[in-house]
């Protein structure tokens, strides 16, 4: 992909799964064009909103995905990205006979952003058929996410079946090796085996990653330290992943969310504390303050925000390994002379996402040890 400029910087490329909500998209809009050249978001289209009173979704699928092209384009300061529709509950044709992902890709491309679909061995036959049609139309291929038991050197059947069904060669595929939340010592060995396999150089790119954000955040007020196991797993194995006979591995994560966490209660009845998810090199700082929103007038609104951001600034990891604009926002929430808007959960997610990407890009650029077989960055067809 033309925006995956791994050769220019010499550092691994970053491909974060990015839930396409307003907070995350605002963060991407705030990042510089130079930053965008060093990462490629995998936009995850959120699930349809649900009306708990009526017991049904609030929108049709066509209505749900209609705004996303106009949302994604300004959030991406490069010509290409990925799209993951695995959270959509209905793949029936829209606007007559068009699969939702085909409509989404075509409409977004008409506005200037080329999307490449993400598939897994569990993808439905209709999604696979849609990806095949899109590849025939655009020549951009696919991204393929595989969990540990599906990795090609261990079990080539899942990837071979998908490639055959879509009609693509490995050179048309960005391979995503997903170790999930696994923190065992076997992961590094498995990745090394995968990257040293003779077939490793055939893929358009190979990206390794998982997730580490816990499903349940700490309930205590104050600052908690949460290990970034996904980053630790990747960075600790960096030398092993990049030996003289190894394909270089790029990195993906899920930013500051847990992709397995599902909200199963009506959000209208949730009490919300002011919180912030702050990324450092190998850990997150999770800070919980007073109630922001609660029944019976217990919520403090914007006045609760400094009770979460203040303790962060006192932690010895604050501002490490770099400062970003997110730190300026945090500092301003504590300065009564500065006009600011404390925002809401979307605002906190915006600045948490912004900082996470900046820190991760900094960390990737700091990794040493060139690879004999770096990730390729071909220019894809952009019709």
Protein backbone atom coordinates (compact mmCIF):
# COMPACT_ATOMS: atom_id res chain seq x y z
CA UNK A 1 0.00 0.00 0.00
CA UNK A 2 1.43 3.35 -0.98
CA UNK A 3 0.83 4.91 2.43
CA UNK A 4 2.69 2.13 4.23
CA UNK A 5 6.03 3.86 3.96
CA UNK A 6 8.10 1.35 5.91
CA UNK A 7 11.05 1.73 3.58
CA UNK A 8 11.35 5.47 4.12
CA UNK A 9 11.49 5.41 7.90
CA UNK A 10 13.03 1.97 8.38
CA UNK A 11 10.65 1.34 11.27
CA UNK A 12 7.82 -1.19 11.36
CA UNK A 13 4.45 -0.04 10.10
CA UNK A 14 1.51 0.31 12.50
CA UNK A 15 -1.96 -1.00 11.58
CA UNK A 16 -4.30 -0.41 14.53
CA UNK A 17 -7.86 -1.72 14.62
CA UNK A 18 -9.79 1.53 15.03
CA UNK A 19 -13.44 1.50 16.05
CA UNK A 20 -15.00 4.14 13.81
CA UNK A 21 -16.63 6.20 16.55
CA UNK A 22 -16.55 9.97 16.81
CA UNK A 23 -13.82 10.09 19.47
CA UNK A 24 -11.42 7.87 17.56
CA UNK A 25 -12.11 9.62 14.26
CA UNK A 26 -11.49 13.03 15.81
CA UNK A 27 -8.14 11.75 17.08
CA UNK A 28 -7.16 10.68 13.58
CA UNK A 29 -8.23 14.03 12.17
CA UNK A 30 -5.94 15.76 14.69
CA UNK A 31 -2.87 13.69 13.78
CA UNK A 32 -0.42 15.10 11.26
CA UNK A 33 -0.07 13.91 7.68
CA UNK A 34 3.43 12.71 8.56
CA UNK A 35 1.98 10.53 11.29
CA UNK A 36 -0.61 9.13 8.90
CA UNK A 37 2.17 8.03 6.54
CA UNK A 38 3.50 5.76 9.31
CA UNK A 39 0.29 3.96 10.18
CA UNK A 40 -2.74 2.57 8.39
CA UNK A 41 -5.97 2.31 10.38
CA UNK A 42 -8.16 -0.76 10.13
CA UNK A 43 -11.53 0.95 10.45
CA UNK A 44 -13.96 -1.25 12.37
CA UNK A 45 -17.55 -0.26 11.57
CA UNK A 46 -19.48 -0.24 14.88
CA UNK A 47 -22.52 -2.40 15.49
CA UNK A 48 -25.94 -0.89 14.88
CA UNK A 49 -27.39 1.01 17.87
CA UNK A 50 -30.12 -0.81 19.76
CA UNK A 51 -33.37 0.55 21.19
CA UNK A 52 -33.88 -1.23 24.50
CA UNK A 53 -37.46 0.01 24.83
CA UNK A 54 -38.54 -1.35 21.45
CA UNK A 55 -36.24 -4.36 21.55
CA UNK A 56 -34.92 -3.68 18.05
CA UNK A 57 -32.22 -1.81 16.21
CA UNK A 58 -32.82 1.90 15.74
CA UNK A 59 -31.77 1.91 12.07
CA UNK A 60 -31.77 -0.30 9.02
CA UNK A 61 -28.37 -1.46 7.81
CA UNK A 62 -28.48 0.97 4.91
CA UNK A 63 -29.24 3.85 7.30
CA UNK A 64 -26.53 2.73 9.70
CA UNK A 65 -23.64 2.66 7.23
CA UNK A 66 -24.75 5.64 5.15
CA UNK A 67 -22.77 8.28 7.14
CA UNK A 68 -19.49 6.37 7.34
CA UNK A 69 -17.91 7.35 4.01
CA UNK A 70 -18.19 11.05 4.95
CA UNK A 71 -16.82 10.24 8.41
CA UNK A 72 -13.86 8.11 7.34
CA UNK A 73 -12.51 10.30 4.56
CA UNK A 74 -11.58 13.37 6.66
CA UNK A 75 -10.18 11.08 9.38
CA UNK A 76 -7.57 9.63 7.01
CA UNK A 77 -4.80 11.86 5.66
CA UNK A 78 -3.57 9.25 3.20
CA UNK A 79 -5.21 7.59 0.19
CA UNK A 80 -5.84 4.10 1.60
CA UNK A 81 -7.03 2.23 4.71
CA UNK A 82 -8.62 -1.08 5.70
CA UNK A 83 -12.22 -1.78 6.69
CA UNK A 84 -13.53 -4.47 9.04
CA UNK A 85 -17.29 -5.11 9.03
CA UNK A 86 -17.27 -8.04 11.48
CA UNK A 87 -19.47 -6.17 13.99
CA UNK A 88 -22.33 -5.76 11.52
CA UNK A 89 -25.22 -8.09 12.30
CA UNK A 90 -26.89 -8.15 8.90
CA UNK A 91 -25.27 -8.72 5.50
CA UNK A 92 -28.42 -8.76 3.42
CA UNK A 93 -28.22 -6.63 0.26
CA UNK A 94 -28.97 -2.92 0.54
CA UNK A 95 -30.05 -0.46 -2.15
CA UNK A 96 -31.36 -3.33 -4.22
CA UNK A 97 -28.72 -6.03 -4.56
CA UNK A 98 -25.53 -4.53 -3.12
CA UNK A 99 -23.65 -6.13 -0.24
CA UNK A 100 -23.09 -3.52 2.53
CA UNK A 101 -19.29 -3.66 2.27
CA UNK A 102 -19.39 -3.18 -1.50
CA UNK A 103 -21.58 -0.09 -1.10
CA UNK A 104 -19.29 1.21 1.66
CA UNK A 105 -16.07 0.68 -0.31
CA UNK A 106 -17.46 2.17 -3.53
CA UNK A 107 -18.96 5.23 -1.84
CA UNK A 108 -15.84 5.90 0.24
CA UNK A 109 -13.60 5.55 -2.81
CA UNK A 110 -15.75 8.04 -4.72
CA UNK A 111 -14.82 10.54 -1.99
CA UNK A 112 -11.09 9.81 -2.28
CA UNK A 113 -10.31 7.01 0.18
CA UNK A 114 -9.62 3.46 -1.00
CA UNK A 115 -10.61 0.74 1.48
CA UNK A 116 -9.35 -2.85 1.54
CA UNK A 117 -11.62 -5.38 3.29
CA UNK A 118 -10.49 -7.53 6.23
CA UNK A 119 -11.51 -11.19 6.22
CA UNK A 120 -11.09 -14.11 8.62
CA UNK A 121 -11.69 -17.83 8.15
CA UNK A 122 -15.01 -17.24 9.94
CA UNK A 123 -16.18 -14.64 7.42
CA UNK A 124 -19.54 -15.42 5.86
CA UNK A 125 -19.78 -16.71 2.33
CA UNK A 126 -21.52 -13.48 1.29
CA UNK A 127 -18.68 -11.36 2.68
CA UNK A 128 -16.10 -13.52 0.91
CA UNK A 129 -18.05 -13.20 -2.33
CA UNK A 130 -18.21 -9.42 -1.85
CA UNK A 131 -14.43 -9.30 -1.28
CA UNK A 132 -13.93 -11.33 -4.45
CA UNK A 133 -16.06 -8.87 -6.42
CA UNK A 134 -14.17 -5.91 -4.96
CA UNK A 135 -10.79 -7.44 -5.79
CA UNK A 136 -11.95 -8.07 -9.36
CA UNK A 137 -13.08 -4.44 -9.50
CA UNK A 138 -10.12 -2.72 -7.80
CA UNK A 139 -7.24 -5.21 -7.71
CA UNK A 140 -6.51 -4.27 -4.09
CA UNK A 141 -6.79 -7.75 -2.58
CA UNK A 142 -7.62 -8.25 1.08
CA UNK A 143 -6.27 -8.26 4.60
CA UNK A 144 -6.54 -11.66 6.30
CA UNK A 145 -6.63 -11.97 10.09
CA UNK A 146 -5.70 -15.37 11.51
CA UNK A 147 -5.71 -16.54 15.13
CA UNK A 148 -2.93 -18.78 16.45
CA UNK A 149 -4.36 -22.17 15.39
CA UNK A 150 -4.91 -20.78 11.88
CA UNK A 151 -1.38 -19.46 11.25
CA UNK A 152 -0.10 -20.77 7.91
CA UNK A 153 2.99 -22.66 9.07
CA UNK A 154 0.86 -24.50 11.64
CA UNK A 155 -2.27 -25.02 9.58
CA UNK A 156 -2.23 -23.72 6.00
CA UNK A 157 -5.78 -24.84 5.18
CA UNK A 158 -7.72 -21.77 6.50
CA UNK A 159 -5.63 -19.23 4.61
CA UNK A 160 -5.52 -21.35 1.45
CA UNK A 161 -9.31 -21.69 1.47
CA UNK A 162 -9.85 -17.93 1.82
CA UNK A 163 -7.32 -17.08 -0.89
CA UNK A 164 -8.91 -19.57 -3.27
CA UNK A 165 -12.42 -18.30 -2.54
CA UNK A 166 -11.46 -14.65 -3.09
CA UNK A 167 -9.22 -15.43 -6.05
CA UNK A 168 -6.08 -13.78 -4.70
CA UNK A 169 -2.42 -14.73 -4.35
CA UNK A 170 -0.40 -14.14 -1.15
CA UNK A 171 1.13 -11.09 -2.83
CA UNK A 172 -2.38 -9.56 -2.78
CA UNK A 173 -2.82 -10.17 0.95
CA UNK A 174 -1.85 -8.22 4.07
CA UNK A 175 -1.52 -10.99 6.67
CA UNK A 176 -2.53 -10.20 10.27
CA UNK A 177 -1.21 -12.75 12.78
CA UNK A 178 -3.41 -12.31 15.86
CA UNK A 179 -2.17 -13.67 19.19
CA UNK A 180 -5.16 -12.14 20.98
CA UNK A 181 -4.62 -11.68 24.71
CA UNK A 182 -2.11 -14.55 24.95
CA UNK A 183 0.87 -13.60 27.12
CA UNK A 184 2.53 -17.03 27.21
CA UNK A 185 6.15 -17.65 26.29
CA UNK A 186 5.01 -19.74 23.34
CA UNK A 187 3.82 -16.71 21.37
CA UNK A 188 7.29 -15.38 20.53
CA UNK A 189 8.40 -18.81 19.38
CA UNK A 190 5.28 -19.24 17.25
CA UNK A 191 5.77 -15.85 15.63
CA UNK A 192 9.43 -16.55 14.93
CA UNK A 193 8.49 -19.85 13.28
CA UNK A 194 5.89 -18.08 11.16
CA UNK A 195 8.20 -15.32 10.01
CA UNK A 196 11.01 -17.72 9.14
CA UNK A 197 8.77 -20.00 7.09
CA UNK A 198 9.68 -20.07 3.37
CA UNK A 199 6.22 -18.73 2.53
CA UNK A 200 6.58 -15.63 4.75
CA UNK A 201 8.07 -13.48 2.00
CA UNK A 202 5.14 -14.18 -0.33
CA UNK A 203 2.67 -12.00 1.60
CA UNK A 204 2.23 -8.32 0.76
CA UNK A 205 2.86 -7.53 4.43
CA UNK A 206 2.91 -9.44 7.71
CA UNK A 207 1.61 -7.75 10.86
CA UNK A 208 1.68 -9.24 14.35
CA UNK A 209 -0.48 -8.11 17.25
CA UNK A 210 -3.22 -8.67 19.76
CA UNK A 211 -4.88 -6.80 22.60
CA UNK A 212 -4.20 -6.23 26.27
CA UNK A 213 -6.78 -3.75 27.54
CA UNK A 214 -8.78 -5.56 30.25
CA UNK A 215 -12.46 -6.33 29.82
CA UNK A 216 -13.17 -4.72 33.21
CA UNK A 217 -11.33 -1.54 34.21
CA UNK A 218 -10.23 -0.94 37.82
CA UNK A 219 -13.09 0.30 39.98
CA UNK A 220 -10.97 2.19 42.52
CA UNK A 221 -10.46 5.93 42.26
CA UNK A 222 -6.98 7.14 41.47
CA UNK A 223 -4.35 5.86 39.07
CA UNK A 224 -3.88 2.17 38.24
CA UNK A 225 -1.02 0.78 36.15
CA UNK A 226 -2.08 -1.72 33.47
CA UNK A 227 0.59 -3.57 31.47
CA UNK A 228 0.55 -3.30 27.69
CA UNK A 229 1.12 -7.01 27.19
CA UNK A 230 0.51 -6.82 23.45
CA UNK A 231 3.24 -4.22 22.96
CA UNK A 232 5.59 -5.98 25.39
CA UNK A 233 5.10 -9.24 23.51
CA UNK A 234 5.92 -7.59 20.21
CA UNK A 235 8.85 -5.43 21.33
CA UNK A 236 10.49 -8.14 23.45
CA UNK A 237 10.50 -10.49 20.51
CA UNK A 238 11.60 -7.85 18.03
CA UNK A 239 15.12 -9.26 17.64
CA UNK A 240 13.84 -12.81 17.35
CA UNK A 241 11.23 -11.72 14.80
CA UNK A 242 13.89 -10.01 12.71
CA UNK A 243 16.79 -12.39 12.43
CA UNK A 244 18.76 -12.75 9.20
CA UNK A 245 16.33 -15.37 7.88
CA UNK A 246 13.13 -13.72 9.11
CA UNK A 247 10.49 -11.57 7.47
CA UNK A 248 10.01 -8.32 9.34
CA UNK A 249 6.82 -8.12 11.35
CA UNK A 250 4.79 -4.93 11.54
CA UNK A 251 2.52 -4.26 14.55
CA UNK A 252 -1.21 -3.99 15.23
CA UNK A 253 -3.27 -3.52 18.35
CA UNK A 254 -6.76 -2.33 19.27
CA UNK A 255 -5.71 1.06 20.63
CA UNK A 256 -7.15 1.58 24.13
CA UNK A 257 -10.14 -0.78 24.01
CA UNK A 258 -10.81 -4.46 24.56
CA UNK A 259 -12.34 -5.83 21.35
CA UNK A 260 -14.11 -8.59 23.28
CA UNK A 261 -15.92 -6.24 25.67
CA UNK A 262 -19.61 -5.97 24.82
CA UNK A 263 -22.06 -3.56 26.45
CA UNK A 264 -25.11 -5.60 27.35
CA UNK A 265 -27.06 -3.03 29.39
CA UNK A 266 -28.96 0.07 28.41
CA UNK A 267 -26.33 2.86 28.49
CA UNK A 268 -28.98 5.34 29.64
CA UNK A 269 -28.87 3.77 33.09
CA UNK A 270 -25.11 3.60 33.49
CA UNK A 271 -23.33 5.74 36.05
CA UNK A 272 -20.23 7.17 34.38
CA UNK A 273 -17.08 8.24 36.22
CA UNK A 274 -14.58 10.64 34.72
CA UNK A 275 -11.74 8.43 33.48
CA UNK A 276 -8.68 8.61 31.26
CA UNK A 277 -6.65 5.89 29.51
CA UNK A 278 -3.09 7.16 29.25
CA UNK A 279 -0.49 5.31 27.18
CA UNK A 280 3.17 5.08 28.20
CA UNK A 281 5.93 2.91 26.74
CA UNK A 282 5.06 -0.44 28.35
CA UNK A 283 2.00 0.39 30.46
CA UNK A 284 -1.24 2.28 30.52
CA UNK A 285 -2.17 4.59 33.36
CA UNK A 286 -5.89 4.32 34.03
CA UNK A 287 -7.19 7.16 36.16
CA UNK A 288 -10.69 7.19 37.65
CA UNK A 289 -12.18 10.30 39.22
CA UNK A 290 -15.57 11.38 40.54
CA UNK A 291 -18.90 10.54 38.98
CA UNK A 292 -19.45 12.45 35.75
CA UNK A 293 -22.99 11.21 35.13
CA UNK A 294 -25.29 9.50 37.64
CA UNK A 295 -28.89 9.43 38.73
CA UNK A 296 -30.42 11.66 41.40
CA UNK A 297 -28.02 14.52 40.71
CA UNK A 298 -24.95 12.66 41.94
CA UNK A 299 -22.95 13.37 38.79
CA UNK A 300 -20.62 16.38 38.79
CA UNK A 301 -20.42 16.82 35.03
CA UNK A 302 -17.32 18.64 33.81
CA UNK A 303 -16.14 19.33 37.36
CA UNK A 304 -15.41 15.61 37.70
CA UNK A 305 -12.81 15.64 34.92
CA UNK A 306 -9.94 17.23 36.92
CA UNK A 307 -10.39 14.55 39.58
CA UNK A 308 -9.30 12.04 36.92
CA UNK A 309 -6.71 14.08 35.04
CA UNK A 310 -5.08 15.65 38.10
CA UNK A 311 -3.70 12.40 39.58
CA UNK A 312 -2.30 11.48 36.16
CA UNK A 313 -0.04 14.53 36.12
CA UNK A 314 1.44 13.49 39.46
CA UNK A 315 2.41 9.99 38.34
CA UNK A 316 6.09 9.43 37.55
CA UNK A 317 5.20 7.98 34.12
CA UNK A 318 3.27 11.07 33.05
CA UNK A 319 4.78 12.63 29.95
CA UNK A 320 6.85 9.54 29.14
CA UNK A 321 8.28 8.50 26.76
CA UNK A 322 7.10 11.67 24.97
CA UNK A 323 4.67 14.52 25.46
CA UNK A 324 1.86 15.00 22.97
CA UNK A 325 -1.04 17.38 22.42
CA UNK A 326 -3.06 15.08 24.65
CA UNK A 327 -0.85 16.11 27.55
CA UNK A 328 -1.57 19.75 26.77
CA UNK A 329 -5.30 19.01 26.92
CA UNK A 330 -4.87 17.22 30.25
CA UNK A 331 -2.84 20.11 31.69
CA UNK A 332 -5.46 22.60 30.53
CA UNK A 333 -8.21 20.75 32.42
CA UNK A 334 -6.36 21.70 35.62
CA UNK A 335 -5.73 25.34 34.76
CA UNK A 336 -8.68 27.50 35.75
CA UNK A 337 -7.27 30.39 33.71
CA UNK A 338 -7.43 28.38 30.48
CA UNK A 339 -10.73 28.13 28.63
CA UNK A 340 -11.37 24.50 27.84
CA UNK A 341 -14.19 22.06 27.40
CA UNK A 342 -13.87 19.01 29.64
CA UNK A 343 -16.02 17.15 27.15
CA UNK A 344 -17.47 13.73 27.73
CA UNK A 345 -16.49 10.09 27.28
CA UNK A 346 -16.00 10.71 23.56
CA UNK A 347 -13.58 13.56 24.27
CA UNK A 348 -11.58 11.46 26.71
CA UNK A 349 -11.46 8.64 24.14
CA UNK A 350 -10.33 11.13 21.48
CA UNK A 351 -7.30 12.29 23.44
CA UNK A 352 -6.50 8.81 24.77
CA UNK A 353 -6.48 7.50 21.18
CA UNK A 354 -4.40 10.43 19.94
CA UNK A 355 -1.74 9.86 22.59
CA UNK A 356 -1.74 6.10 22.11
CA UNK A 357 -0.98 6.41 18.40
CA UNK A 358 1.73 9.01 18.92
CA UNK A 359 3.43 6.95 21.64
CA UNK A 360 3.21 3.74 19.61
CA UNK A 361 4.69 5.41 16.53
CA UNK A 362 7.49 6.80 18.68
CA UNK A 363 8.17 3.35 20.15
CA UNK A 364 8.18 1.69 16.73
CA UNK A 365 10.63 4.27 15.41
CA UNK A 366 12.89 3.55 18.38
CA UNK A 367 13.17 -0.16 17.65
CA UNK A 368 16.59 -1.04 16.31
CA UNK A 369 17.85 -3.83 14.15
CA UNK A 370 17.16 -3.72 10.41
CA UNK A 371 15.57 -6.73 8.84
CA UNK A 372 16.97 -8.62 5.91
CA UNK A 373 13.45 -8.92 4.54
CA UNK A 374 11.52 -5.74 5.34
CA UNK A 375 7.79 -5.37 4.84
CA UNK A 376 6.85 -4.46 1.33
CA UNK A 377 4.96 -1.28 0.56
CA UNK A 378 3.63 -1.71 -2.96
CA UNK A 379 1.40 0.87 -4.57
CA UNK A 380 -2.03 -0.69 -4.94
CA UNK A 381 -4.44 0.09 -7.77
CA UNK A 382 -6.58 3.07 -6.83
CA UNK A 383 -9.49 3.22 -9.24
